[in-house]
C-alpha atoms as a PDB file:
ATOM      1  CA  UNK A   1      77.781  48.747 148.187  1.00  0.00           C
ATOM      2  CA  UNK A   2      75.497  45.719 148.321  1.00  0.00           C
ATOM      3  CA  UNK A   3      72.831  47.790 150.052  1.00  0.00           C
ATOM      4  CA  UNK A   4      72.974  50.381 147.286  1.00  0.00           C
ATOM      5  CA  UNK A   5      72.759  47.745 144.586  1.00  0.00           C
ATOM      6  CA  UNK A   6      69.786  46.158 146.241  1.00  0.00           C
ATOM      7  CA  UNK A   7      68.058  49.452 146.398  1.00  0.00           C
ATOM      8  CA  UNK A   8      68.706  50.278 142.759  1.00  0.00           C
ATOM      9  CA  UNK A   9      67.476  46.819 141.711  1.00  0.00           C
ATOM     10  CA  UNK A  10      64.335  47.255 143.848  1.00  0.00           C
ATOM     11  CA  UNK A  11      63.776  50.740 142.319  1.00  0.00           C
ATOM     12  CA  UNK A  12      64.226  49.626 138.685  1.00  0.00           C
ATOM     13  CA  UNK A  13      61.705  46.760 139.170  1.00  0.00           C
ATOM     14  CA  UNK A  14      59.382  48.992 141.078  1.00  0.00           C
ATOM     15  CA  UNK A  15      59.269  51.758 138.470  1.00  0.00           C
ATOM     16  CA  UNK A  16      58.612  49.214 135.791  1.00  0.00           C
ATOM     17  CA  UNK A  17      55.623  47.891 137.678  1.00  0.00           C
ATOM     18  CA  UNK A  18      54.432  50.914 139.569  1.00  0.00           C
ATOM     19  CA  UNK A  19      50.761  50.394 138.780  1.00  0.00           C
ATOM     20  CA  UNK A  20      50.439  48.945 142.274  1.00  0.00           C
ATOM     21  CA  UNK A  21      50.731  52.159 144.312  1.00  0.00           C
ATOM     22  CA  UNK A  22      53.177  52.080 147.108  1.00  0.00           C
ATOM     23  CA  UNK A  23      54.549  48.520 146.877  1.00  0.00           C
ATOM     24  CA  UNK A  24      58.057  49.312 145.645  1.00  0.00           C
ATOM     25  CA  UNK A  25      58.423  52.463 147.653  1.00  0.00           C
ATOM     26  CA  UNK A  26      57.263  50.720 150.766  1.00  0.00           C
ATOM     27  CA  UNK A  27      60.145  48.306 150.449  1.00  0.00           C
ATOM     28  CA  UNK A  28      62.517  51.263 149.857  1.00  0.00           C
ATOM     29  CA  UNK A  29      61.345  53.051 152.947  1.00  0.00           C
ATOM     30  CA  UNK A  30      61.592  49.821 155.024  1.00  0.00           C
ATOM     31  CA  UNK A  31      65.330  49.642 154.023  1.00  0.00           C
ATOM     32  CA  UNK A  32      65.855  53.283 154.966  1.00  0.00           C
ATOM     33  CA  UNK A  33      64.299  52.630 158.373  1.00  0.00           C
ATOM     34  CA  UNK A  34      66.489  49.576 158.860  1.00  0.00           C
ATOM     35  CA  UNK A  35      69.567  51.791 158.460  1.00  0.00           C
ATOM     36  CA  UNK A  36      68.561  54.440 161.010  1.00  0.00           C
ATOM     37  CA  UNK A  37      66.231  56.795 159.254  1.00  0.00           C
ATOM     38  CA  UNK A  38      62.928  57.808 160.867  1.00  0.00           C
ATOM     39  CA  UNK A  39      60.152  56.871 158.495  1.00  0.00           C
ATOM     40  CA  UNK A  40      56.474  57.833 158.965  1.00  0.00           C
ATOM     41  CA  UNK A  41      53.637  57.172 156.506  1.00  0.00           C
ATOM     42  CA  UNK A  42      50.266  58.820 155.996  1.00  0.00           C
ATOM     43  CA  UNK A  43      47.405  57.284 153.934  1.00  0.00           C
ATOM     44  CA  UNK A  44      43.968  58.470 153.106  1.00  0.00           C
ATOM     45  CA  UNK A  45      40.930  56.888 151.454  1.00  0.00           C
ATOM     46  CA  UNK A  46      38.515  59.451 150.318  1.00  0.00           C
ATOM     47  CA  UNK A  47      35.500  59.705 148.018  1.00  0.00           C
ATOM     48  CA  UNK A  48      37.694  61.272 145.320  1.00  0.00           C
ATOM     49  CA  UNK A  49      41.176  59.799 145.667  1.00  0.00           C
ATOM     50  CA  UNK A  50      43.557  57.405 147.387  1.00  0.00           C
ATOM     51  CA  UNK A  51      46.802  58.891 148.590  1.00  0.00           C
ATOM     52  CA  UNK A  52      49.988  58.076 150.490  1.00  0.00           C
ATOM     53  CA  UNK A  53      52.863  60.097 151.678  1.00  0.00           C
ATOM     54  CA  UNK A  54      56.192  58.986 153.090  1.00  0.00           C
ATOM     55  CA  UNK A  55      58.372  61.111 155.379  1.00  0.00           C
ATOM     56  CA  UNK A  56      62.037  60.171 156.003  1.00  0.00           C
ATOM     57  CA  UNK A  57      64.270  62.100 158.352  1.00  0.00           C
ATOM     58  CA  UNK A  58      67.817  61.441 159.485  1.00  0.00           C
ATOM     59  CA  UNK A  59      70.626  63.461 161.138  1.00  0.00           C
ATOM     60  CA  UNK A  60      74.425  63.472 160.603  1.00  0.00           C
ATOM     61  CA  UNK A  61      74.525  60.459 158.248  1.00  0.00           C
ATOM     62  CA  UNK A  62      76.177  61.395 155.075  1.00  0.00           C
ATOM     63  CA  UNK A  63      76.427  57.790 153.929  1.00  0.00           C
ATOM     64  CA  UNK A  64      72.703  57.497 154.020  1.00  0.00           C
ATOM     65  CA  UNK A  65      72.367  60.785 152.163  1.00  0.00           C
ATOM     66  CA  UNK A  66      74.754  59.497 149.526  1.00  0.00           C
ATOM     67  CA  UNK A  67      72.671  56.343 149.206  1.00  0.00           C
ATOM     68  CA  UNK A  68      69.561  58.476 148.789  1.00  0.00           C
ATOM     69  CA  UNK A  69      71.181  60.510 146.076  1.00  0.00           C
ATOM     70  CA  UNK A  70      72.222  57.415 144.139  1.00  0.00           C
ATOM     71  CA  UNK A  71      68.652  56.036 144.289  1.00  0.00           C
ATOM     72  CA  UNK A  72      67.198  59.440 143.284  1.00  0.00           C
ATOM     73  CA  UNK A  73      69.661  59.804 140.394  1.00  0.00           C
ATOM     74  CA  UNK A  74      68.354  56.445 139.118  1.00  0.00           C
ATOM     75  CA  UNK A  75      64.743  57.603 139.564  1.00  0.00           C
ATOM     76  CA  UNK A  76      65.408  60.808 137.714  1.00  0.00           C
ATOM     77  CA  UNK A  77      66.198  58.832 134.497  1.00  0.00           C
ATOM     78  CA  UNK A  78      62.631  57.618 134.446  1.00  0.00           C
ATOM     79  CA  UNK A  79      60.984  60.917 135.579  1.00  0.00           C
ATOM     80  CA  UNK A  80      58.562  63.156 133.949  1.00  0.00           C
ATOM     81  CA  UNK A  81      60.491  66.089 135.303  1.00  0.00           C
ATOM     82  CA  UNK A  82      63.401  66.304 137.711  1.00  0.00           C
ATOM     83  CA  UNK A  83      65.660  68.976 139.303  1.00  0.00           C
ATOM     84  CA  UNK A  84      68.846  68.650 141.250  1.00  0.00           C
ATOM     85  CA  UNK A  85      71.058  71.128 143.132  1.00  0.00           C
ATOM     86  CA  UNK A  86      74.216  70.556 145.056  1.00  0.00           C
ATOM     87  CA  UNK A  87      76.569  72.820 146.971  1.00  0.00           C
ATOM     88  CA  UNK A  88      79.583  71.853 149.065  1.00  0.00           C
ATOM     89  CA  UNK A  89      81.099  74.819 150.860  1.00  0.00           C
ATOM     90  CA  UNK A  90      83.264  75.181 154.048  1.00  0.00           C
ATOM     91  CA  UNK A  91      82.474  71.421 155.011  1.00  0.00           C
ATOM     92  CA  UNK A  92      78.698  71.971 154.733  1.00  0.00           C
ATOM     93  CA  UNK A  93      76.688  70.025 152.162  1.00  0.00           C
ATOM     94  CA  UNK A  94      73.520  71.189 150.625  1.00  0.00           C
ATOM     95  CA  UNK A  95      71.595  68.812 148.350  1.00  0.00           C
ATOM     96  CA  UNK A  96      68.169  69.236 146.815  1.00  0.00           C
ATOM     97  CA  UNK A  97      66.139  66.999 144.553  1.00  0.00           C
ATOM     98  CA  UNK A  98      62.653  67.378 143.100  1.00  0.00           C
ATOM     99  CA  UNK A  99      61.431  64.455 141.029  1.00  0.00           C
ATOM    100  CA  UNK A 100      58.008  63.890 139.445  1.00  0.00           C
ATOM    101  CA  UNK A 101      57.587  60.169 138.535  1.00  0.00           C
ATOM    102  CA  UNK A 102      53.983  60.540 137.358  1.00  0.00           C
ATOM    103  CA  UNK A 103      51.954  63.512 136.246  1.00  0.00           C
ATOM    104  CA  UNK A 104      48.688  64.189 134.436  1.00  0.00           C
ATOM    105  CA  UNK A 105      47.361  63.891 130.965  1.00  0.00           C
ATOM    106  CA  UNK A 106      46.560  60.769 128.962  1.00  0.00           C
ATOM    107  CA  UNK A 107      50.148  59.506 129.391  1.00  0.00           C
ATOM    108  CA  UNK A 108      50.773  60.840 132.925  1.00  0.00           C
ATOM    109  CA  UNK A 109      53.435  62.878 131.251  1.00  0.00           C
ATOM    110  CA  UNK A 110      53.174  66.476 132.555  1.00  0.00           C
ATOM    111  CA  UNK A 111      53.273  68.358 135.846  1.00  0.00           C
ATOM    112  CA  UNK A 112      50.483  70.921 136.509  1.00  0.00           C
ATOM    113  CA  UNK A 113      51.355  74.584 136.271  1.00  0.00           C
ATOM    114  CA  UNK A 114      50.342  75.985 139.564  1.00  0.00           C
ATOM    115  CA  UNK A 115      51.103  79.504 140.790  1.00  0.00           C
ATOM    116  CA  UNK A 116      50.699  80.924 144.325  1.00  0.00           C
ATOM    117  CA  UNK A 117      49.958  84.579 144.918  1.00  0.00           C
ATOM    118  CA  UNK A 118      50.737  86.709 148.009  1.00  0.00           C
ATOM    119  CA  UNK A 119      47.365  86.513 149.672  1.00  0.00           C
ATOM    120  CA  UNK A 120      47.650  82.644 149.800  1.00  0.00           C
ATOM    121  CA  UNK A 121      44.839  82.115 147.385  1.00  0.00           C
ATOM    122  CA  UNK A 122      45.878  80.528 144.019  1.00  0.00           C
ATOM    123  CA  UNK A 123      45.599  81.286 140.372  1.00  0.00           C
ATOM    124  CA  UNK A 124      45.390  78.168 138.266  1.00  0.00           C
ATOM    125  CA  UNK A 125      45.639  77.099 134.723  1.00  0.00           C
ATOM    126  CA  UNK A 126      42.845  74.955 133.116  1.00  0.00           C
ATOM    127  CA  UNK A 127      44.366  72.045 134.923  1.00  0.00           C
ATOM    128  CA  UNK A 128      42.628  73.097 138.176  1.00  0.00           C
ATOM    129  CA  UNK A 129      40.055  70.258 137.966  1.00  0.00           C
ATOM    130  CA  UNK A 130      42.797  67.698 137.754  1.00  0.00           C
ATOM    131  CA  UNK A 131      44.512  69.233 140.793  1.00  0.00           C
ATOM    132  CA  UNK A 132      41.208  69.290 142.707  1.00  0.00           C
ATOM    133  CA  UNK A 133      40.700  65.581 142.084  1.00  0.00           C
ATOM    134  CA  UNK A 134      44.005  64.790 143.771  1.00  0.00           C
ATOM    135  CA  UNK A 135      43.950  67.351 146.670  1.00  0.00           C
ATOM    136  CA  UNK A 136      40.238  68.000 147.506  1.00  0.00           C
ATOM    137  CA  UNK A 137      38.770  66.083 150.534  1.00  0.00           C
ATOM    138  CA  UNK A 138      35.334  65.014 151.506  1.00  0.00           C
ATOM    139  CA  UNK A 139      35.724  66.170 155.073  1.00  0.00           C
ATOM    140  CA  UNK A 140      38.357  67.883 157.232  1.00  0.00           C
ATOM    141  CA  UNK A 141      41.003  65.365 158.452  1.00  0.00           C
ATOM    142  CA  UNK A 142      44.697  65.272 159.558  1.00  0.00           C
ATOM    143  CA  UNK A 143      45.837  64.393 156.046  1.00  0.00           C
ATOM    144  CA  UNK A 144      44.269  67.630 154.689  1.00  0.00           C
ATOM    145  CA  UNK A 145      45.983  69.641 157.408  1.00  0.00           C
ATOM    146  CA  UNK A 146      49.311  68.037 156.551  1.00  0.00           C
ATOM    147  CA  UNK A 147      48.755  68.991 152.930  1.00  0.00           C
ATOM    148  CA  UNK A 148      48.262  72.593 153.960  1.00  0.00           C
ATOM    149  CA  UNK A 149      51.337  72.539 156.129  1.00  0.00           C
ATOM    150  CA  UNK A 150      53.421  71.355 153.139  1.00  0.00           C
ATOM    151  CA  UNK A 151      51.804  73.909 150.996  1.00  0.00           C
ATOM    152  CA  UNK A 152      53.240  76.598 153.353  1.00  0.00           C
ATOM    153  CA  UNK A 153      56.571  74.757 153.989  1.00  0.00           C
ATOM    154  CA  UNK A 154      57.761  73.822 150.500  1.00  0.00           C
ATOM    155  CA  UNK A 155      59.278  76.334 148.109  1.00  0.00           C
ATOM    156  CA  UNK A 156      60.283  76.528 144.412  1.00  0.00           C
ATOM    157  CA  UNK A 157      60.457  73.199 142.561  1.00  0.00           C
ATOM    158  CA  UNK A 158      59.564  71.168 145.611  1.00  0.00           C
ATOM    159  CA  UNK A 159      56.207  72.992 145.930  1.00  0.00           C
ATOM    160  CA  UNK A 160      55.690  72.596 142.173  1.00  0.00           C
ATOM    161  CA  UNK A 161      56.329  68.864 142.363  1.00  0.00           C
ATOM    162  CA  UNK A 162      54.259  68.282 145.458  1.00  0.00           C
ATOM    163  CA  UNK A 163      51.128  70.051 144.172  1.00  0.00           C
ATOM    164  CA  UNK A 164      51.565  69.461 140.471  1.00  0.00           C
ATOM    165  CA  UNK A 165      52.438  65.782 140.219  1.00  0.00           C
ATOM    166  CA  UNK A 166      50.643  62.623 141.111  1.00  0.00           C
ATOM    167  CA  UNK A 167      53.800  60.732 142.242  1.00  0.00           C
ATOM    168  CA  UNK A 168      56.757  62.748 143.307  1.00  0.00           C
ATOM    169  CA  UNK A 169      59.830  62.757 145.554  1.00  0.00           C
ATOM    170  CA  UNK A 170      61.428  65.746 147.253  1.00  0.00           C
ATOM    171  CA  UNK A 171      64.721  65.515 149.159  1.00  0.00           C
ATOM    172  CA  UNK A 172      66.722  68.093 151.095  1.00  0.00           C
ATOM    173  CA  UNK A 173      70.033  67.648 152.962  1.00  0.00           C
ATOM    174  CA  UNK A 174      71.238  70.755 154.735  1.00  0.00           C
ATOM    175  CA  UNK A 175      73.929  70.945 157.416  1.00  0.00           C
ATOM    176  CA  UNK A 176      73.718  67.223 158.197  1.00  0.00           C
ATOM    177  CA  UNK A 177      69.957  67.085 158.371  1.00  0.00           C
ATOM    178  CA  UNK A 178      68.142  65.097 155.732  1.00  0.00           C
ATOM    179  CA  UNK A 179      64.472  65.063 154.959  1.00  0.00           C
ATOM    180  CA  UNK A 180      62.749  63.144 152.111  1.00  0.00           C
ATOM    181  CA  UNK A 181      59.087  63.394 151.164  1.00  0.00           C
ATOM    182  CA  UNK A 182      57.524  60.988 148.774  1.00  0.00           C
ATOM    183  CA  UNK A 183      53.858  61.173 147.653  1.00  0.00           C
ATOM    184  CA  UNK A 184      51.594  59.144 145.425  1.00  0.00           C
ATOM    185  CA  UNK A 185      47.977  59.976 144.512  1.00  0.00           C
ATOM    186  CA  UNK A 186      45.443  58.171 142.372  1.00  0.00           C
ATOM    187  CA  UNK A 187      41.837  58.701 141.584  1.00  0.00           C
ATOM    188  CA  UNK A 188      39.484  56.548 143.509  1.00  0.00           C
ATOM    189  CA  UNK A 189      37.827  54.511 140.769  1.00  0.00           C
ATOM    190  CA  UNK A 190      35.487  52.818 143.348  1.00  0.00           C
ATOM    191  CA  UNK A 191      33.346  55.812 143.847  1.00  0.00           C
ATOM    192  CA  UNK A 192      29.914  55.051 144.852  1.00  0.00           C
ATOM    193  CA  UNK A 193      27.326  56.430 147.351  1.00  0.00           C
ATOM    194  CA  UNK A 194      28.476  54.907 150.624  1.00  0.00           C
ATOM    195  CA  UNK A 195      31.672  56.297 152.242  1.00  0.00           C
ATOM    196  CA  UNK A 196      31.187  55.583 155.955  1.00  0.00           C
ATOM    197  CA  UNK A 197      34.111  54.036 157.964  1.00  0.00           C
ATOM    198  CA  UNK A 198      33.293  50.611 159.252  1.00  0.00           C
ATOM    199  CA  UNK A 199      35.993  49.365 161.703  1.00  0.00           C
ATOM    200  CA  UNK A 200      34.330  46.002 162.462  1.00  0.00           C
ATOM    201  CA  UNK A 201      37.046  43.879 160.930  1.00  0.00           C
ATOM    202  CA  UNK A 202      39.651  45.467 163.262  1.00  0.00           C
ATOM    203  CA  UNK A 203      37.323  44.952 166.247  1.00  0.00           C
ATOM    204  CA  UNK A 204      37.122  41.296 165.300  1.00  0.00           C
ATOM    205  CA  UNK A 205      40.909  41.084 165.515  1.00  0.00           C
ATOM    206  CA  UNK A 206      41.051  43.006 168.815  1.00  0.00           C
ATOM    207  CA  UNK A 207      38.563  40.520 170.329  1.00  0.00           C
ATOM    208  CA  UNK A 208      41.141  37.794 170.027  1.00  0.00           C
ATOM    209  CA  UNK A 209      43.790  39.593 171.955  1.00  0.00           C
ATOM    210  CA  UNK A 210      45.246  38.096 175.097  1.00  0.00           C
ATOM    211  CA  UNK A 211      45.554  41.350 176.813  1.00  0.00           C
ATOM    212  CA  UNK A 212      44.712  43.225 179.929  1.00  0.00           C
ATOM    213  CA  UNK A 213      41.561  45.178 179.064  1.00  0.00           C
ATOM    214  CA  UNK A 214      40.350  48.407 180.769  1.00  0.00           C
ATOM    215  CA  UNK A 215      37.144  50.356 179.862  1.00  0.00           C
ATOM    216  CA  UNK A 216      37.816  54.088 179.284  1.00  0.00           C
ATOM    217  CA  UNK A 217      35.719  57.218 179.051  1.00  0.00           C
ATOM    218  CA  UNK A 218      37.108  60.544 178.054  1.00  0.00           C
ATOM    219  CA  UNK A 219      35.192  63.870 177.985  1.00  0.00           C
ATOM    220  CA  UNK A 220      36.108  67.343 176.962  1.00  0.00           C
ATOM    221  CA  UNK A 221      33.417  70.097 177.285  1.00  0.00           C
ATOM    222  CA  UNK A 222      32.737  72.704 174.577  1.00  0.00           C
ATOM    223  CA  UNK A 223      34.865  75.731 175.092  1.00  0.00           C
ATOM    224  CA  UNK A 224      37.045  74.027 177.675  1.00  0.00           C
ATOM    225  CA  UNK A 225      40.726  75.019 177.091  1.00  0.00           C
ATOM    226  CA  UNK A 226      43.208  72.518 175.965  1.00  0.00           C
ATOM    227  CA  UNK A 227      45.991  72.042 178.526  1.00  0.00           C
ATOM    228  CA  UNK A 228      49.017  70.858 176.690  1.00  0.00           C
ATOM    229  CA  UNK A 229      50.460  69.440 179.931  1.00  0.00           C
ATOM    230  CA  UNK A 230      47.586  66.987 180.307  1.00  0.00           C
ATOM    231  CA  UNK A 231      46.468  66.476 176.676  1.00  0.00           C
ATOM    232  CA  UNK A 232      48.051  63.859 174.389  1.00  0.00           C
ATOM    233  CA  UNK A 233      45.967  64.225 171.295  1.00  0.00           C
ATOM    234  CA  UNK A 234      43.448  66.805 170.393  1.00  0.00           C
ATOM    235  CA  UNK A 235      41.640  67.918 167.163  1.00  0.00           C
ATOM    236  CA  UNK A 236      39.633  71.021 166.344  1.00  0.00           C
ATOM    237  CA  UNK A 237      38.998  70.591 162.645  1.00  0.00           C
ATOM    238  CA  UNK A 238      36.127  68.145 162.350  1.00  0.00           C
ATOM    239  CA  UNK A 239      33.538  70.597 163.533  1.00  0.00           C
ATOM    240  CA  UNK A 240      35.011  74.064 164.076  1.00  0.00           C
ATOM    241  CA  UNK A 241      31.748  75.323 165.488  1.00  0.00           C
ATOM    242  CA  UNK A 242      31.665  72.656 168.191  1.00  0.00           C
ATOM    243  CA  UNK A 243      34.379  74.507 170.167  1.00  0.00           C
ATOM    244  CA  UNK A 244      36.184  71.391 171.055  1.00  0.00           C
ATOM    245  CA  UNK A 245      33.434  69.219 172.496  1.00  0.00           C
ATOM    246  CA  UNK A 246      34.395  65.575 172.735  1.00  0.00           C
ATOM    247  CA  UNK A 247      33.166  62.426 174.346  1.00  0.00           C
ATOM    248  CA  UNK A 248      34.814  59.043 173.796  1.00  0.00           C
ATOM    249  CA  UNK A 249      34.159  55.579 175.144  1.00  0.00           C
ATOM    250  CA  UNK A 250      36.142  52.438 174.507  1.00  0.00           C
ATOM    251  CA  UNK A 251      38.814  49.993 175.740  1.00  0.00           C
ATOM    252  CA  UNK A 252      42.546  50.210 176.559  1.00  0.00           C
ATOM    253  CA  UNK A 253      44.379  46.946 175.732  1.00  0.00           C
ATOM    254  CA  UNK A 254      47.848  46.266 177.276  1.00  0.00           C
ATOM    255  CA  UNK A 255      50.177  43.509 176.118  1.00  0.00           C
ATOM    256  CA  UNK A 256      53.561  42.910 177.820  1.00  0.00           C
ATOM    257  CA  UNK A 257      56.829  42.515 175.826  1.00  0.00           C
ATOM    258  CA  UNK A 258      57.155  38.898 176.753  1.00  0.00           C
ATOM    259  CA  UNK A 259      53.670  38.148 175.567  1.00  0.00           C
ATOM    260  CA  UNK A 260      54.538  38.822 171.877  1.00  0.00           C
ATOM    261  CA  UNK A 261      53.812  42.616 171.922  1.00  0.00           C
ATOM    262  CA  UNK A 262      56.104  43.453 168.978  1.00  0.00           C
ATOM    263  CA  UNK A 263      54.628  40.803 166.710  1.00  0.00           C
ATOM    264  CA  UNK A 264      51.132  41.753 167.652  1.00  0.00           C
ATOM    265  CA  UNK A 265      51.857  45.452 166.799  1.00  0.00           C
ATOM    266  CA  UNK A 266      52.958  44.334 163.326  1.00  0.00           C
ATOM    267  CA  UNK A 267      49.795  42.208 162.926  1.00  0.00           C
ATOM    268  CA  UNK A 268      47.594  45.146 163.868  1.00  0.00           C
ATOM    269  CA  UNK A 269      49.411  47.526 161.500  1.00  0.00           C
ATOM    270  CA  UNK A 270      49.217  45.106 158.669  1.00  0.00           C
ATOM    271  CA  UNK A 271      45.479  44.664 159.253  1.00  0.00           C
ATOM    272  CA  UNK A 272      44.959  48.456 159.287  1.00  0.00           C
ATOM    273  CA  UNK A 273      46.788  48.759 155.946  1.00  0.00           C
ATOM    274  CA  UNK A 274      44.911  45.812 154.565  1.00  0.00           C
ATOM    275  CA  UNK A 275      41.645  47.532 155.584  1.00  0.00           C
ATOM    276  CA  UNK A 276      42.435  50.570 153.470  1.00  0.00           C
ATOM    277  CA  UNK A 277      43.556  48.333 150.597  1.00  0.00           C
ATOM    278  CA  UNK A 278      40.305  46.348 150.579  1.00  0.00           C
ATOM    279  CA  UNK A 279      37.834  49.196 151.363  1.00  0.00           C
ATOM    280  CA  UNK A 280      38.564  52.137 149.009  1.00  0.00           C
ATOM    281  CA  UNK A 281      35.047  53.527 149.485  1.00  0.00           C
ATOM    282  CA  UNK A 282      35.461  54.044 153.224  1.00  0.00           C
ATOM    283  CA  UNK A 283      36.728  57.496 154.233  1.00  0.00           C
ATOM    284  CA  UNK A 284      39.572  56.926 156.718  1.00  0.00           C
ATOM    285  CA  UNK A 285      43.138  58.047 157.552  1.00  0.00           C
ATOM    286  CA  UNK A 286      46.037  55.936 158.681  1.00  0.00           C
ATOM    287  CA  UNK A 287      49.233  57.388 160.036  1.00  0.00           C
ATOM    288  CA  UNK A 288      52.091  55.110 161.155  1.00  0.00           C
ATOM    289  CA  UNK A 289      55.701  54.411 161.997  1.00  0.00           C
ATOM    290  CA  UNK A 290      57.326  51.225 162.953  1.00  0.00           C
ATOM    291  CA  UNK A 291      56.217  51.710 166.581  1.00  0.00           C
ATOM    292  CA  UNK A 292      53.000  53.785 166.470  1.00  0.00           C
ATOM    293  CA  UNK A 293      49.910  54.129 164.451  1.00  0.00           C
ATOM    294  CA  UNK A 294      46.515  56.017 164.437  1.00  0.00           C
ATOM    295  CA  UNK A 295      43.607  54.773 162.289  1.00  0.00           C
ATOM    296  CA  UNK A 296      40.429  56.938 162.288  1.00  0.00           C
ATOM    297  CA  UNK A 297      37.359  57.517 160.109  1.00  0.00           C
ATOM    298  CA  UNK A 298      33.876  59.086 160.182  1.00  0.00           C
ATOM    299  CA  UNK A 299      31.158  56.602 160.810  1.00  0.00           C
ATOM    300  CA  UNK A 300      28.519  58.641 158.932  1.00  0.00           C
ATOM    301  CA  UNK A 301      29.703  61.224 156.456  1.00  0.00           C
ATOM    302  CA  UNK A 302      26.141  62.271 155.690  1.00  0.00           C
ATOM    303  CA  UNK A 303      25.551  63.305 159.250  1.00  0.00           C
ATOM    304  CA  UNK A 304      28.850  65.152 159.291  1.00  0.00           C
ATOM    305  CA  UNK A 305      28.285  67.121 156.089  1.00  0.00           C
ATOM    306  CA  UNK A 306      24.536  67.740 156.347  1.00  0.00           C
ATOM    307  CA  UNK A 307      23.811  67.875 160.122  1.00  0.00           C
ATOM    308  CA  UNK A 308      27.327  68.679 161.522  1.00  0.00           C
ATOM    309  CA  UNK A 309      27.298  65.594 163.733  1.00  0.00           C
ATOM    310  CA  UNK A 310      30.750  64.077 163.993  1.00  0.00           C
ATOM    311  CA  UNK A 311      30.703  60.259 164.900  1.00  0.00           C
ATOM    312  CA  UNK A 312      34.049  58.593 164.450  1.00  0.00           C
ATOM    313  CA  UNK A 313      35.864  55.374 165.169  1.00  0.00           C
ATOM    314  CA  UNK A 314      39.392  55.558 166.361  1.00  0.00           C
ATOM    315  CA  UNK A 315      42.217  53.012 166.822  1.00  0.00           C
ATOM    316  CA  UNK A 316      45.655  53.770 168.150  1.00  0.00           C
ATOM    317  CA  UNK A 317      48.548  51.445 168.993  1.00  0.00           C
ATOM    318  CA  UNK A 318      51.824  52.368 170.534  1.00  0.00           C
ATOM    319  CA  UNK A 319      54.795  50.017 171.090  1.00  0.00           C
ATOM    320  CA  UNK A 320      56.482  51.531 174.078  1.00  0.00           C
ATOM    321  CA  UNK A 321      60.321  51.638 174.466  1.00  0.00           C
ATOM    322  CA  UNK A 322      60.118  48.919 177.221  1.00  0.00           C
ATOM    323  CA  UNK A 323      58.366  46.650 174.758  1.00  0.00           C
ATOM    324  CA  UNK A 324      54.851  46.983 176.059  1.00  0.00           C
ATOM    325  CA  UNK A 325      52.038  47.398 173.518  1.00  0.00           C
ATOM    326  CA  UNK A 326      49.164  49.726 174.327  1.00  0.00           C
ATOM    327  CA  UNK A 327      46.176  49.760 172.115  1.00  0.00           C
ATOM    328  CA  UNK A 328      43.370  52.273 172.430  1.00  0.00           C
ATOM    329  CA  UNK A 329      40.049  51.668 170.695  1.00  0.00           C
ATOM    330  CA  UNK A 330      37.400  54.449 170.900  1.00  0.00           C
ATOM    331  CA  UNK A 331      34.061  55.492 169.561  1.00  0.00           C
ATOM    332  CA  UNK A 332      34.124  59.252 169.418  1.00  0.00           C
ATOM    333  CA  UNK A 333      31.290  61.873 169.470  1.00  0.00           C
ATOM    334  CA  UNK A 334      32.594  65.231 168.335  1.00  0.00           C
ATOM    335  CA  UNK A 335      36.295  66.108 168.196  1.00  0.00           C
ATOM    336  CA  UNK A 336      39.117  63.729 169.431  1.00  0.00           C
ATOM    337  CA  UNK A 337      40.446  64.378 172.863  1.00  0.00           C
ATOM    338  CA  UNK A 338      42.842  61.968 174.617  1.00  0.00           C
ATOM    339  CA  UNK A 339      44.542  62.609 177.955  1.00  0.00           C
ATOM    340  CA  UNK A 340      48.387  62.472 178.184  1.00  0.00           C
ATOM    341  CA  UNK A 341      48.142  59.608 180.672  1.00  0.00           C
ATOM    342  CA  UNK A 342      46.031  57.406 178.350  1.00  0.00           C
ATOM    343  CA  UNK A 343      48.382  54.467 178.838  1.00  0.00           C
ATOM    344  CA  UNK A 344      47.399  54.319 182.514  1.00  0.00           C
END
C-alpha cells in the first residue's frame, strides 16, 4: 500500500508540473523497474521535435498490474481523453487503458482525428500539419522504425492515442502478460541551421576510464548477406541504396565488476541523457534500459540528405550478467554492422 501511495503522490505532483518532459514519468518507471518490470526507454532529438517513449513489460504479476491500474485511474482524472476496458472471465484478466494527457490546440486540449485506410496510407483532417510536427523525422533512424512498428501493432483507441496525442499512456494486460507504452512529444523550439551530432563530451568522459582498451575495426561489404548467427547489430535504413555497406573503427573498453563497473554504467547513461537534454539541436537517438544503452547520431546531416553519405558516431554500453561492463565506441561510415562476438 505504501508503494501505491508513493506512486500516486509522485503522479499528482508530476502532472501538476509536467512542463519538464519526462521527469515525473522517469521516476514512475524507475519504481516499476525496481519491482520487477522490464523497462526500456527511447529518446530522439530531431530538427522538428524532441520525443521520448517508455516501454514496460511484465509477466504473471497481477499485483503490479493492479498498481498500474490504480496509477492510471488517477491519471485519467487529469486526462484530455481516456478509455478503459476490463474483462474477468474463467480466471483470465483482460485490462486495457488508453489515456491522452496532452493533446493539441492552444490549450493542449484535443486529440487529433486520424483515420487509417486499407492500403496503409492515411487520410487526415486539417490537423495533419500538427501530426507531422510530432512524427516527421529529418533522417531515417531506429526511433522512426519503432514508430512505424507501433502504427502496425496498435489498434482502436490505443492507435488513436499514440498518433493523435502529444503525451499518452497505453496499457494492456492479457492472460498474465502486461505491456505499457508511454510517450511524450514536444516541438523542438531550438530549431536552427546546425543539426549534426557531436559526441566529443562523451569521448572526454571515456578518456578518463580505467579500463582495458582494444582497437576494433568492423567491415561489411555492399551486398554481403547478413548472417544472423554472427551479427549482433545491423541497420539497413540510413542509406537503402548502399546495400548494407559498413565500415567502423573505434575502441572497446572493458571494466570488471570489482572495478566499479555498475556505477560507471550509470555515469555513462546519465551523461548520454544529459547530452540530449543540453543539445536539442543535435540529431541523435538514445535507447536504454538499466543494463544496456545505444547512443547514435549523424555527424553531418547535410552530407546524408544531399550527397547520401552516412557518417555517424556510435556509443554502446552493456553491463553483463557477471557484472563486467563493455563499452563500444565507433565512428561509422555507411550502415551500422557489429559482429555478435563484439565483447571479445
